[in-house]
Amino acid sequence: MRSIWTGSIAFGLVNVPVKAYGATADHDVSLHQVHDADGGRIRYQRRCEVCNKKVDFEHIDKAYDDGDRTVVLSDEDMHSLPAEKSREIEVVQFVPNDQIDPIMLERSYYLEPDSKSPKAYALLVKTLKNTELTAVVKFALRQKTRLGALRIKDNMLVLQGILWGDEVRDPQEVKVPSKTAVSAQELKMSSALVDQFKGDFNPNDYSDEYQEELQTLIDEKLKHGDSLDTAATFGDKEAAAEDAGGGNVIDLMEALKRSVDQKRGRQGTKEDAKAESKKSTTGTSAEKKKGASKKSSKGAAKKKSAGGKAAKQKTAAAASHSTTHVKKGA
């Protein structure tokens, strides 16, 4: 099995180099079109409507037609898009496993670690498994920016494409009767019928009967000599090559600590600003007071300072505990 994409998972400041492999394959028997009179292969030609000449792929650009005007986009234009150049699977959110509607799921890809040290990969797998969460990610593949779900299957990370929100049609457009009477007896009989078919799902228990019958038909024709010379009618097949890449890993624990500190730092900045403002207001008011009021203020300040030290110690302990529990993979 050959990888179709090489890049990395960006998880905070942690970088997890991976290779992607297609997780599924079409099992349909490959068929061609031929001329019924002589068995000759039917081929489609790319011809220009202006000069009527055959055009090779290297001379074909993409274009957008708005009805009145056409915008031509060359290969250079397409490759200039930032998303097209991205080799990163960016984690943008973690959500409960059951929050992604199956209707939004697309093709799946197996991800294998592409590094001499698979520790970051293993940590992400265990983190996702322990938290029972799915990572929502963004990535670019085949000239398209995609949304995806990063989840676990047999201790392996699996990347599954997710349709964008506007790609799922509104179910309200489908008319379904809202008020249809169903008797208790009918429901009971239906439930009994369901019980007879109940069981654990095993995809290997099922097969594509149409493809099996088609292959049997082809085999019988070959056995009885009802075939044509392939070289004379079908021509040669074309082969394609794929690119591969690599990535570097930064220190795992350091990246985890910095990621956690950055996340908490953004929240702490707002809280510190509020505390500073409150402290300033309190100080101004205290300056107007005398004697016992000043002593009371000093006592409160000492108490607050001691509390601050205790809070910092607690925060440091929590950060230490958090960094050992952040990662997880699938």
C-alpha atoms as a PDB file:
ATOM      1  CA  MET A   1       0.000   0.000   0.000  1.00  0.00           C
ATOM      2  CA  ARG A   2       1.422   3.375  -1.041  1.00  0.00           C
ATOM      3  CA  SER A   3       0.945   6.610   0.881  1.00  0.00           C
ATOM      4  CA  ILE A   4      -1.104   9.312  -0.844  1.00  0.00           C
ATOM      5  CA  TRP A   5      -0.102  12.241   1.374  1.00  0.00           C
ATOM      6  CA  THR A   6       2.723  13.153   3.739  1.00  0.00           C
ATOM      7  CA  GLY A   7       2.540  15.917   6.323  1.00  0.00           C
ATOM      8  CA  SER A   8       2.067  16.438  10.051  1.00  0.00           C
ATOM      9  CA  ILE A   9      -0.594  16.880  12.716  1.00  0.00           C
ATOM     10  CA  ALA A  10      -0.336  20.281  14.437  1.00  0.00           C
ATOM     11  CA  PHE A  11      -1.488  19.794  18.030  1.00  0.00           C
ATOM     12  CA  GLY A  12      -0.747  23.041  19.875  1.00  0.00           C
ATOM     13  CA  LEU A  13       3.037  23.324  19.603  1.00  0.00           C
ATOM     14  CA  VAL A  14       3.415  19.572  19.179  1.00  0.00           C
ATOM     15  CA  ASN A  15       4.191  18.316  15.676  1.00  0.00           C
ATOM     16  CA  VAL A  16       3.276  14.714  14.756  1.00  0.00           C
ATOM     17  CA  PRO A  17       4.686  13.705  11.321  1.00  0.00           C
ATOM     18  CA  VAL A  18       2.394  11.224   9.553  1.00  0.00           C
ATOM     19  CA  LYS A  19       1.782   9.477   6.243  1.00  0.00           C
ATOM     20  CA  ALA A  20      -1.774   9.005   4.948  1.00  0.00           C
ATOM     21  CA  TYR A  21      -3.049   5.875   3.219  1.00  0.00           C
ATOM     22  CA  GLY A  22      -6.448   5.319   1.655  1.00  0.00           C
ATOM     23  CA  ALA A  23      -8.428   3.240   4.164  1.00  0.00           C
ATOM     24  CA  THR A  24     -10.923   1.973   1.583  1.00  0.00           C
ATOM     25  CA  ALA A  25     -10.775   0.581  -1.967  1.00  0.00           C
ATOM     26  CA  ASP A  26     -13.391   0.067  -4.671  1.00  0.00           C
ATOM     27  CA  HIS A  27     -13.913  -3.635  -5.412  1.00  0.00           C
ATOM     28  CA  ASP A  28     -15.957  -3.143  -8.611  1.00  0.00           C
ATOM     29  CA  VAL A  29     -14.816  -4.986 -11.729  1.00  0.00           C
ATOM     30  CA  SER A  30     -13.226  -2.463 -14.083  1.00  0.00           C
ATOM     31  CA  LEU A  31     -15.077  -2.221 -17.395  1.00  0.00           C
ATOM     32  CA  HIS A  32     -14.303  -0.319 -20.618  1.00  0.00           C
ATOM     33  CA  GLN A  33     -16.419   0.782 -23.551  1.00  0.00           C
ATOM     34  CA  VAL A  34     -15.912  -0.851 -26.964  1.00  0.00           C
ATOM     35  CA  HIS A  35     -17.470  -0.623 -30.418  1.00  0.00           C
ATOM     36  CA  ASP A  36     -20.079  -3.398 -30.734  1.00  0.00           C
ATOM     37  CA  ALA A  37     -19.251  -3.913 -34.434  1.00  0.00           C
ATOM     38  CA  ASP A  38     -15.537  -4.688 -34.138  1.00  0.00           C
ATOM     39  CA  GLY A  39     -14.653  -4.583 -30.426  1.00  0.00           C
ATOM     40  CA  GLY A  40     -12.457  -1.506 -30.819  1.00  0.00           C
ATOM     41  CA  ARG A  41     -11.778   0.533 -27.682  1.00  0.00           C
ATOM     42  CA  ILE A  42     -13.853   3.711 -27.359  1.00  0.00           C
ATOM     43  CA  ARG A  43     -11.680   6.591 -26.205  1.00  0.00           C
ATOM     44  CA  TYR A  44     -12.637  10.151 -25.312  1.00  0.00           C
ATOM     45  CA  GLN A  45     -10.605  12.985 -26.778  1.00  0.00           C
ATOM     46  CA  ARG A  46     -10.048  16.440 -25.297  1.00  0.00           C
ATOM     47  CA  ARG A  47     -10.681  18.905 -28.138  1.00  0.00           C
ATOM     48  CA  CYS A  48     -10.718  22.694 -28.086  1.00  0.00           C
ATOM     49  CA  GLU A  49     -14.011  24.186 -29.265  1.00  0.00           C
ATOM     50  CA  VAL A  50     -12.166  27.153 -30.817  1.00  0.00           C
ATOM     51  CA  CYS A  51      -9.426  25.488 -32.884  1.00  0.00           C
ATOM     52  CA  ASN A  52     -10.863  21.941 -32.835  1.00  0.00           C
ATOM     53  CA  LYS A  53      -7.423  20.518 -32.011  1.00  0.00           C
ATOM     54  CA  LYS A  54      -6.693  17.729 -29.525  1.00  0.00           C
ATOM     55  CA  VAL A  55      -5.275  19.167 -26.295  1.00  0.00           C
ATOM     56  CA  ASP A  56      -2.851  17.424 -23.915  1.00  0.00           C
ATOM     57  CA  PHE A  57      -3.302  17.700 -20.152  1.00  0.00           C
ATOM     58  CA  GLU A  58      -0.288  19.994 -19.743  1.00  0.00           C
ATOM     59  CA  HIS A  59      -2.049  22.618 -21.868  1.00  0.00           C
ATOM     60  CA  ILE A  60      -5.359  22.501 -19.991  1.00  0.00           C
ATOM     61  CA  ASP A  61      -6.263  25.183 -17.422  1.00  0.00           C
ATOM     62  CA  LYS A  62      -9.313  25.476 -15.182  1.00  0.00           C
ATOM     63  CA  ALA A  63     -11.945  28.169 -15.650  1.00  0.00           C
ATOM     64  CA  TYR A  64     -14.993  29.621 -13.904  1.00  0.00           C
ATOM     65  CA  ASP A  65     -18.017  30.744 -15.925  1.00  0.00           C
ATOM     66  CA  ASP A  66     -20.468  33.143 -14.259  1.00  0.00           C
ATOM     67  CA  GLY A  67     -22.788  33.120 -17.272  1.00  0.00           C
ATOM     68  CA  ASP A  68     -21.449  36.233 -18.996  1.00  0.00           C
ATOM     69  CA  ARG A  69     -17.718  36.068 -18.359  1.00  0.00           C
ATOM     70  CA  THR A  70     -15.083  33.376 -17.953  1.00  0.00           C
ATOM     71  CA  VAL A  71     -12.140  33.545 -15.545  1.00  0.00           C
ATOM     72  CA  VAL A  72      -9.197  31.315 -16.496  1.00  0.00           C
ATOM     73  CA  LEU A  73      -7.101  29.869 -13.649  1.00  0.00           C
ATOM     74  CA  SER A  74      -3.699  28.430 -14.566  1.00  0.00           C
ATOM     75  CA  ASP A  75      -1.787  25.795 -12.613  1.00  0.00           C
ATOM     76  CA  GLU A  76       0.377  28.609 -11.214  1.00  0.00           C
ATOM     77  CA  ASP A  77      -2.747  30.395  -9.986  1.00  0.00           C
ATOM     78  CA  MET A  78      -4.036  27.262  -8.260  1.00  0.00           C
ATOM     79  CA  HIS A  79      -0.697  26.461  -6.625  1.00  0.00           C
ATOM     80  CA  SER A  80      -0.394  30.033  -5.327  1.00  0.00           C
ATOM     81  CA  LEU A  81      -3.304  29.490  -2.928  1.00  0.00           C
ATOM     82  CA  PRO A  82      -2.005  29.158   0.669  1.00  0.00           C
ATOM     83  CA  ALA A  83      -4.274  26.215   1.475  1.00  0.00           C
ATOM     84  CA  GLU A  84      -2.981  24.295  -1.532  1.00  0.00           C
ATOM     85  CA  LYS A  85       0.573  24.401  -0.157  1.00  0.00           C
ATOM     86  CA  SER A  86      -0.353  23.315   3.372  1.00  0.00           C
ATOM     87  CA  ARG A  87       1.068  19.992   4.549  1.00  0.00           C
ATOM     88  CA  GLU A  88      -0.484  20.268   7.977  1.00  0.00           C
ATOM     89  CA  ILE A  89      -3.453  18.645   9.686  1.00  0.00           C
ATOM     90  CA  GLU A  90      -4.452  21.386  12.117  1.00  0.00           C
ATOM     91  CA  VAL A  91      -6.370  20.352  15.252  1.00  0.00           C
ATOM     92  CA  VAL A  92      -8.983  23.065  15.848  1.00  0.00           C
ATOM     93  CA  GLN A  93     -11.281  21.468  18.440  1.00  0.00           C
ATOM     94  CA  PHE A  94     -12.008  18.352  20.487  1.00  0.00           C
ATOM     95  CA  VAL A  95     -15.630  17.171  20.610  1.00  0.00           C
ATOM     96  CA  PRO A  96     -17.517  14.173  22.070  1.00  0.00           C
ATOM     97  CA  ASN A  97     -17.417  11.180  19.723  1.00  0.00           C
ATOM     98  CA  ASP A  98     -21.194  11.135  19.192  1.00  0.00           C
ATOM     99  CA  GLN A  99     -21.518  14.797  18.111  1.00  0.00           C
ATOM    100  CA  ILE A 100     -20.482  14.246  14.480  1.00  0.00           C
ATOM    101  CA  ASP A 101     -23.465  13.160  12.388  1.00  0.00           C
ATOM    102  CA  PRO A 102     -22.538  10.138  10.188  1.00  0.00           C
ATOM    103  CA  ILE A 103     -24.230  11.852   7.211  1.00  0.00           C
ATOM    104  CA  MET A 104     -21.317  14.335   7.190  1.00  0.00           C
ATOM    105  CA  LEU A 105     -18.561  11.699   6.985  1.00  0.00           C
ATOM    106  CA  GLU A 106     -16.567  11.132   3.781  1.00  0.00           C
ATOM    107  CA  ARG A 107     -13.568   9.009   2.771  1.00  0.00           C
ATOM    108  CA  SER A 108     -11.243   7.650   5.465  1.00  0.00           C
ATOM    109  CA  TYR A 109      -7.440   7.571   5.639  1.00  0.00           C
ATOM    110  CA  TYR A 110      -5.108   5.561   7.863  1.00  0.00           C
ATOM    111  CA  LEU A 111      -2.320   7.653   9.394  1.00  0.00           C
ATOM    112  CA  GLU A 112       1.008   6.070  10.319  1.00  0.00           C
ATOM    113  CA  PRO A 113       3.852   7.815  12.200  1.00  0.00           C
ATOM    114  CA  ASP A 114       6.501   9.250   9.877  1.00  0.00           C
ATOM    115  CA  SER A 115       9.241   9.792  12.427  1.00  0.00           C
ATOM    116  CA  LYS A 116      12.099   7.890  14.035  1.00  0.00           C
ATOM    117  CA  SER A 117      10.418   8.552  17.386  1.00  0.00           C
ATOM    118  CA  PRO A 118       6.686   7.625  17.378  1.00  0.00           C
ATOM    119  CA  LYS A 119       6.150   8.876  20.945  1.00  0.00           C
ATOM    120  CA  ALA A 120       4.136  11.954  19.951  1.00  0.00           C
ATOM    121  CA  TYR A 121       1.910   9.744  17.766  1.00  0.00           C
ATOM    122  CA  ALA A 122       1.363   7.224  20.596  1.00  0.00           C
ATOM    123  CA  LEU A 123       0.621  10.018  23.073  1.00  0.00           C
ATOM    124  CA  LEU A 124      -2.069  11.512  20.831  1.00  0.00           C
ATOM    125  CA  VAL A 125      -3.628   8.077  20.352  1.00  0.00           C
ATOM    126  CA  LYS A 126      -3.817   7.445  24.115  1.00  0.00           C
ATOM    127  CA  THR A 127      -5.121  10.938  24.823  1.00  0.00           C
ATOM    128  CA  LEU A 128      -8.027  10.590  22.385  1.00  0.00           C
ATOM    129  CA  LYS A 129      -8.796   7.121  23.694  1.00  0.00           C
ATOM    130  CA  ASN A 130      -8.764   8.113  27.387  1.00  0.00           C
ATOM    131  CA  THR A 131     -10.846  11.257  26.903  1.00  0.00           C
ATOM    132  CA  GLU A 132     -13.266   9.589  24.447  1.00  0.00           C
ATOM    133  CA  LEU A 133     -13.034  12.638  22.212  1.00  0.00           C
ATOM    134  CA  THR A 134     -12.694  13.194  18.474  1.00  0.00           C
ATOM    135  CA  ALA A 135     -10.336  15.859  17.139  1.00  0.00           C
ATOM    136  CA  VAL A 136     -11.875  18.176  14.543  1.00  0.00           C
ATOM    137  CA  VAL A 137      -9.149  19.154  12.069  1.00  0.00           C
ATOM    138  CA  LYS A 138      -8.539  21.175   8.910  1.00  0.00           C
ATOM    139  CA  PHE A 139      -6.314  19.917   6.100  1.00  0.00           C
ATOM    140  CA  ALA A 140      -5.712  20.313   2.355  1.00  0.00           C
ATOM    141  CA  LEU A 141      -5.778  17.378  -0.049  1.00  0.00           C
ATOM    142  CA  ARG A 142      -6.009  17.288  -3.839  1.00  0.00           C
ATOM    143  CA  GLN A 143      -6.566  21.003  -4.350  1.00  0.00           C
ATOM    144  CA  LYS A 144      -9.313  21.201  -1.772  1.00  0.00           C
ATOM    145  CA  THR A 145      -9.413  22.438   1.811  1.00  0.00           C
ATOM    146  CA  ARG A 146     -11.243  19.927   3.951  1.00  0.00           C
ATOM    147  CA  LEU A 147     -12.713  19.495   7.395  1.00  0.00           C
ATOM    148  CA  GLY A 148     -11.941  16.198   9.088  1.00  0.00           C
ATOM    149  CA  ALA A 149     -12.376  14.000  12.145  1.00  0.00           C
ATOM    150  CA  LEU A 150      -9.292  12.487  13.764  1.00  0.00           C
ATOM    151  CA  ARG A 151     -10.255   9.388  15.729  1.00  0.00           C
ATOM    152  CA  ILE A 152      -8.938   6.045  16.931  1.00  0.00           C
ATOM    153  CA  LYS A 153      -9.267   2.585  15.356  1.00  0.00           C
ATOM    154  CA  ASP A 154      -7.243  -0.350  16.670  1.00  0.00           C
ATOM    155  CA  ASN A 155      -4.606   1.935  18.245  1.00  0.00           C
ATOM    156  CA  MET A 156      -4.209   3.786  14.953  1.00  0.00           C
ATOM    157  CA  LEU A 157      -5.088   7.361  14.026  1.00  0.00           C
ATOM    158  CA  VAL A 158      -7.775   7.528  11.349  1.00  0.00           C
ATOM    159  CA  LEU A 159      -8.518  10.727   9.460  1.00  0.00           C
ATOM    160  CA  GLN A 160     -12.033  10.920   8.038  1.00  0.00           C
ATOM    161  CA  GLY A 161     -13.225  13.763   5.849  1.00  0.00           C
ATOM    162  CA  ILE A 162     -16.245  15.767   7.026  1.00  0.00           C
ATOM    163  CA  LEU A 163     -18.576  17.694   4.740  1.00  0.00           C
ATOM    164  CA  TRP A 164     -18.753  21.439   5.309  1.00  0.00           C
ATOM    165  CA  GLY A 165     -21.976  22.623   6.935  1.00  0.00           C
ATOM    166  CA  ASP A 166     -23.349  24.139   3.713  1.00  0.00           C
ATOM    167  CA  GLU A 167     -22.750  20.867   1.832  1.00  0.00           C
ATOM    168  CA  VAL A 168     -25.423  19.024   3.831  1.00  0.00           C
ATOM    169  CA  ARG A 169     -28.902  19.718   2.524  1.00  0.00           C
ATOM    170  CA  ASP A 170     -31.698  20.810   4.828  1.00  0.00           C
ATOM    171  CA  PRO A 171     -33.783  17.730   5.742  1.00  0.00           C
ATOM    172  CA  GLN A 172     -36.841  19.983   5.961  1.00  0.00           C
ATOM    173  CA  GLU A 173     -36.890  19.952   2.148  1.00  0.00           C
ATOM    174  CA  VAL A 174     -37.930  16.290   2.280  1.00  0.00           C
ATOM    175  CA  LYS A 175     -41.589  15.849   3.071  1.00  0.00           C
ATOM    176  CA  VAL A 176     -42.272  13.172   5.678  1.00  0.00           C
ATOM    177  CA  PRO A 177     -45.749  12.664   7.193  1.00  0.00           C
ATOM    178  CA  SER A 178     -45.678  14.016  10.739  1.00  0.00           C
ATOM    179  CA  LYS A 179     -48.959  12.525  11.923  1.00  0.00           C
ATOM    180  CA  THR A 180     -49.464   8.891  10.998  1.00  0.00           C
ATOM    181  CA  ALA A 181     -51.415   6.633  13.349  1.00  0.00           C
ATOM    182  CA  VAL A 182     -49.572   3.497  14.502  1.00  0.00           C
ATOM    183  CA  SER A 183     -51.393   1.070  16.775  1.00  0.00           C
ATOM    184  CA  ALA A 184     -49.797  -0.572  19.801  1.00  0.00           C
ATOM    185  CA  GLN A 185     -50.279  -4.011  18.201  1.00  0.00           C
ATOM    186  CA  GLU A 186     -48.522  -2.941  14.991  1.00  0.00           C
ATOM    187  CA  LEU A 187     -45.610  -1.565  16.977  1.00  0.00           C
ATOM    188  CA  LYS A 188     -45.395  -4.774  19.010  1.00  0.00           C
ATOM    189  CA  MET A 189     -45.323  -6.952  15.875  1.00  0.00           C
ATOM    190  CA  SER A 190     -42.732  -4.689  14.248  1.00  0.00           C
ATOM    191  CA  SER A 191     -40.496  -4.901  17.330  1.00  0.00           C
ATOM    192  CA  ALA A 192     -40.803  -8.688  17.327  1.00  0.00           C
ATOM    193  CA  LEU A 193     -39.689  -8.769  13.695  1.00  0.00           C
ATOM    194  CA  VAL A 194     -36.695  -6.563  14.511  1.00  0.00           C
ATOM    195  CA  ASP A 195     -35.694  -8.958  17.310  1.00  0.00           C
ATOM    196  CA  GLN A 196     -35.479 -11.795  14.801  1.00  0.00           C
ATOM    197  CA  PHE A 197     -32.892  -9.872  12.763  1.00  0.00           C
ATOM    198  CA  LYS A 198     -30.960  -8.491  15.731  1.00  0.00           C
ATOM    199  CA  GLY A 199     -27.246  -9.323  15.974  1.00  0.00           C
ATOM    200  CA  ASP A 200     -23.681  -7.943  15.977  1.00  0.00           C
ATOM    201  CA  PHE A 201     -22.530  -6.322  12.757  1.00  0.00           C
ATOM    202  CA  ASN A 202     -19.691  -8.008  10.877  1.00  0.00           C
ATOM    203  CA  PRO A 203     -19.047  -6.545   7.402  1.00  0.00           C
ATOM    204  CA  ASN A 204     -17.371  -9.791   6.292  1.00  0.00           C
ATOM    205  CA  ASP A 205     -20.745 -11.539   6.563  1.00  0.00           C
ATOM    206  CA  TYR A 206     -21.905  -9.672   3.459  1.00  0.00           C
ATOM    207  CA  SER A 207     -20.740  -9.686  -0.149  1.00  0.00           C
ATOM    208  CA  ASP A 208     -21.452  -7.800  -3.368  1.00  0.00           C
ATOM    209  CA  GLU A 209     -23.502 -10.365  -5.302  1.00  0.00           C
ATOM    210  CA  TYR A 210     -23.661  -8.267  -8.471  1.00  0.00           C
ATOM    211  CA  GLN A 211     -19.862  -7.999  -8.751  1.00  0.00           C
ATOM    212  CA  GLU A 212     -19.464 -11.722  -8.022  1.00  0.00           C
ATOM    213  CA  GLU A 213     -21.953 -12.619 -10.763  1.00  0.00           C
ATOM    214  CA  LEU A 214     -20.267 -10.183 -13.181  1.00  0.00           C
ATOM    215  CA  GLN A 215     -16.863 -11.768 -12.517  1.00  0.00           C
ATOM    216  CA  THR A 216     -18.349 -15.250 -13.011  1.00  0.00           C
ATOM    217  CA  LEU A 217     -19.791 -14.156 -16.364  1.00  0.00           C
ATOM    218  CA  ILE A 218     -16.384 -12.787 -17.446  1.00  0.00           C
ATOM    219  CA  ASP A 219     -14.602 -15.971 -16.354  1.00  0.00           C
ATOM    220  CA  GLU A 220     -17.063 -18.153 -18.312  1.00  0.00           C
ATOM    221  CA  LYS A 221     -16.574 -16.081 -21.466  1.00  0.00           C
ATOM    222  CA  LEU A 222     -12.801 -16.407 -21.105  1.00  0.00           C
ATOM    223  CA  LYS A 223     -13.118 -20.161 -20.548  1.00  0.00           C
ATOM    224  CA  HIS A 224     -15.160 -20.639 -23.724  1.00  0.00           C
ATOM    225  CA  GLY A 225     -12.929 -18.463 -25.899  1.00  0.00           C
ATOM    226  CA  ASP A 226     -15.460 -15.650 -26.204  1.00  0.00           C
ATOM    227  CA  SER A 227     -12.847 -12.883 -25.948  1.00  0.00           C
ATOM    228  CA  LEU A 228     -10.804 -10.412 -27.998  1.00  0.00           C
ATOM    229  CA  ASP A 229      -7.082  -9.705 -28.224  1.00  0.00           C
ATOM    230  CA  THR A 230      -6.502  -7.004 -25.604  1.00  0.00           C
ATOM    231  CA  ALA A 231      -3.313  -5.592 -27.124  1.00  0.00           C
ATOM    232  CA  ALA A 232      -5.060  -4.990 -30.431  1.00  0.00           C
ATOM    233  CA  THR A 233      -8.167  -3.331 -29.068  1.00  0.00           C
ATOM    234  CA  PHE A 234      -7.431  -1.806 -25.664  1.00  0.00           C
ATOM    235  CA  GLY A 235      -3.899  -0.393 -25.957  1.00  0.00           C
ATOM    236  CA  ASP A 236      -1.474   0.237 -23.107  1.00  0.00           C
ATOM    237  CA  LYS A 237      -2.316   1.360 -19.590  1.00  0.00           C
ATOM    238  CA  GLU A 238      -0.917   4.549 -18.083  1.00  0.00           C
ATOM    239  CA  ALA A 239       0.990   4.690 -14.787  1.00  0.00           C
ATOM    240  CA  ALA A 240       1.123   7.476 -12.230  1.00  0.00           C
ATOM    241  CA  ALA A 241       3.675   8.415  -9.541  1.00  0.00           C
ATOM    242  CA  GLU A 242       3.100  10.123  -6.199  1.00  0.00           C
ATOM    243  CA  ASP A 243       5.245  12.479  -4.179  1.00  0.00           C
ATOM    244  CA  ALA A 244       6.445  11.875  -0.642  1.00  0.00           C
ATOM    245  CA  GLY A 245       7.771  14.185   2.051  1.00  0.00           C
ATOM    246  CA  GLY A 246       8.885  14.320   5.652  1.00  0.00           C
ATOM    247  CA  GLY A 247       8.843  16.366   8.838  1.00  0.00           C
ATOM    248  CA  ASN A 248      10.754  17.177  12.029  1.00  0.00           C
ATOM    249  CA  VAL A 249       9.655  16.728  15.635  1.00  0.00           C
ATOM    250  CA  ILE A 250      10.311  19.289  18.403  1.00  0.00           C
ATOM    251  CA  ASP A 251      10.844  18.307  22.047  1.00  0.00           C
ATOM    252  CA  LEU A 252       7.559  16.706  23.103  1.00  0.00           C
ATOM    253  CA  MET A 253       7.335  17.686  26.777  1.00  0.00           C
ATOM    254  CA  GLU A 254       8.533  21.231  26.107  1.00  0.00           C
ATOM    255  CA  ALA A 255       5.921  21.647  23.354  1.00  0.00           C
ATOM    256  CA  LEU A 256       3.192  20.318  25.635  1.00  0.00           C
ATOM    257  CA  LYS A 257       4.153  22.679  28.466  1.00  0.00           C
ATOM    258  CA  ARG A 258       4.306  25.688  26.173  1.00  0.00           C
ATOM    259  CA  SER A 259       0.939  24.802  24.610  1.00  0.00           C
ATOM    260  CA  VAL A 260      -0.729  24.548  28.037  1.00  0.00           C
ATOM    261  CA  ASP A 261       0.981  27.750  29.271  1.00  0.00           C
ATOM    262  CA  GLN A 262      -0.116  29.675  26.173  1.00  0.00           C
ATOM    263  CA  LYS A 263      -3.707  28.519  26.572  1.00  0.00           C
ATOM    264  CA  ARG A 264      -3.794  29.472  30.247  1.00  0.00           C
ATOM    265  CA  GLY A 265      -1.818  32.655  29.634  1.00  0.00           C
ATOM    266  CA  ARG A 266      -4.543  34.072  27.388  1.00  0.00           C
ATOM    267  CA  GLN A 267      -7.143  33.435  30.083  1.00  0.00           C
ATOM    268  CA  GLY A 268      -4.864  34.696  32.895  1.00  0.00           C
ATOM    269  CA  THR A 269      -4.178  38.026  31.176  1.00  0.00           C
ATOM    270  CA  LYS A 270      -7.837  39.054  31.404  1.00  0.00           C
ATOM    271  CA  GLU A 271      -8.088  37.973  35.048  1.00  0.00           C
ATOM    272  CA  ASP A 272      -4.872  39.855  35.985  1.00  0.00           C
ATOM    273  CA  ALA A 273      -6.169  43.026  34.339  1.00  0.00           C
ATOM    274  CA  LYS A 274      -9.383  42.871  36.360  1.00  0.00           C
ATOM    275  CA  ALA A 275      -7.447  42.233  39.591  1.00  0.00           C
ATOM    276  CA  GLU A 276      -5.068  45.125  38.909  1.00  0.00           C
ATOM    277  CA  SER A 277      -7.973  47.477  38.256  1.00  0.00           C
ATOM    278  CA  LYS A 278      -9.698  46.399  41.455  1.00  0.00           C
ATOM    279  CA  LYS A 279      -6.454  46.770  43.450  1.00  0.00           C
ATOM    280  CA  SER A 280      -5.925  50.305  42.121  1.00  0.00           C
ATOM    281  CA  THR A 281      -9.438  51.336  43.108  1.00  0.00           C
ATOM    282  CA  THR A 282      -9.028  49.858  46.578  1.00  0.00           C
ATOM    283  CA  GLY A 283      -5.652  51.608  47.048  1.00  0.00           C
ATOM    284  CA  THR A 284      -7.059  55.032  46.172  1.00  0.00           C
ATOM    285  CA  SER A 285      -9.868  54.600  48.648  1.00  0.00           C
ATOM    286  CA  ALA A 286      -7.481  53.371  51.353  1.00  0.00           C
ATOM    287  CA  GLU A 287      -5.254  56.431  51.089  1.00  0.00           C
ATOM    288  CA  LYS A 288      -8.109  58.565  52.388  1.00  0.00           C
ATOM    289  CA  LYS A 289      -8.470  56.464  55.512  1.00  0.00           C
ATOM    290  CA  LYS A 290      -6.377  56.681  58.719  1.00  0.00           C
ATOM    291  CA  GLY A 291      -5.040  54.578  61.586  1.00  0.00           C
ATOM    292  CA  ALA A 292      -6.962  51.330  61.993  1.00  0.00           C
ATOM    293  CA  SER A 293      -8.067  51.435  58.338  1.00  0.00           C
ATOM    294  CA  LYS A 294      -4.419  51.444  57.158  1.00  0.00           C
ATOM    295  CA  LYS A 295      -3.539  48.550  59.465  1.00  0.00           C
ATOM    296  CA  SER A 296      -6.529  46.641  58.183  1.00  0.00           C
ATOM    297  CA  SER A 297      -5.451  47.296  54.593  1.00  0.00           C
ATOM    298  CA  LYS A 298      -1.895  46.107  55.304  1.00  0.00           C
ATOM    299  CA  GLY A 299      -3.227  42.955  56.955  1.00  0.00           C
ATOM    300  CA  ALA A 300      -5.456  42.264  53.994  1.00  0.00           C
ATOM    301  CA  ALA A 301      -2.550  42.829  51.611  1.00  0.00           C
ATOM    302  CA  LYS A 302      -0.387  40.309  53.484  1.00  0.00           C
ATOM    303  CA  LYS A 303      -3.220  37.799  53.465  1.00  0.00           C
ATOM    304  CA  LYS A 304      -3.760  38.379  49.763  1.00  0.00           C
ATOM    305  CA  SER A 305      -0.020  37.952  49.078  1.00  0.00           C
ATOM    306  CA  ALA A 306       0.049  34.650  50.989  1.00  0.00           C
ATOM    307  CA  GLY A 307      -3.034  33.516  49.097  1.00  0.00           C
ATOM    308  CA  GLY A 308      -1.392  34.506  45.806  1.00  0.00           C
ATOM    309  CA  LYS A 309       1.669  32.382  46.561  1.00  0.00           C
ATOM    310  CA  ALA A 310      -0.524  29.407  47.439  1.00  0.00           C
ATOM    311  CA  ALA A 311      -2.524  29.898  44.222  1.00  0.00           C
ATOM    312  CA  LYS A 312       0.683  30.003  42.145  1.00  0.00           C
ATOM    313  CA  GLN A 313       1.911  26.785  43.776  1.00  0.00           C
ATOM    314  CA  LYS A 314      -1.439  25.133  43.052  1.00  0.00           C
ATOM    315  CA  THR A 315      -1.376  26.366  39.428  1.00  0.00           C
ATOM    316  CA  ALA A 316       2.168  25.031  38.926  1.00  0.00           C
ATOM    317  CA  ALA A 317       1.134  21.642  40.329  1.00  0.00           C
ATOM    318  CA  ALA A 318      -1.924  21.581  38.059  1.00  0.00           C
ATOM    319  CA  ALA A 319       0.189  22.476  35.012  1.00  0.00           C
ATOM    320  CA  SER A 320       2.661  19.693  35.847  1.00  0.00           C
ATOM    321  CA  HIS A 321      -0.187  17.192  36.185  1.00  0.00           C
ATOM    322  CA  SER A 322      -1.853  18.483  32.985  1.00  0.00           C
ATOM    323  CA  THR A 323       1.254  18.148  30.810  1.00  0.00           C
ATOM    324  CA  THR A 324       1.552  14.451  31.648  1.00  0.00           C
ATOM    325  CA  HIS A 325      -2.060  13.854  30.647  1.00  0.00           C
ATOM    326  CA  VAL A 326      -2.476  16.051  27.531  1.00  0.00           C
ATOM    327  CA  LYS A 327      -1.672  13.601  24.719  1.00  0.00           C
ATOM    328  CA  LYS A 328      -3.620  10.853  23.097  1.00  0.00           C
ATOM    329  CA  GLY A 329      -3.876   9.386  19.629  1.00  0.00           C
ATOM    330  CA  ALA A 330      -5.723   7.146  17.284  1.00  0.00           C
END
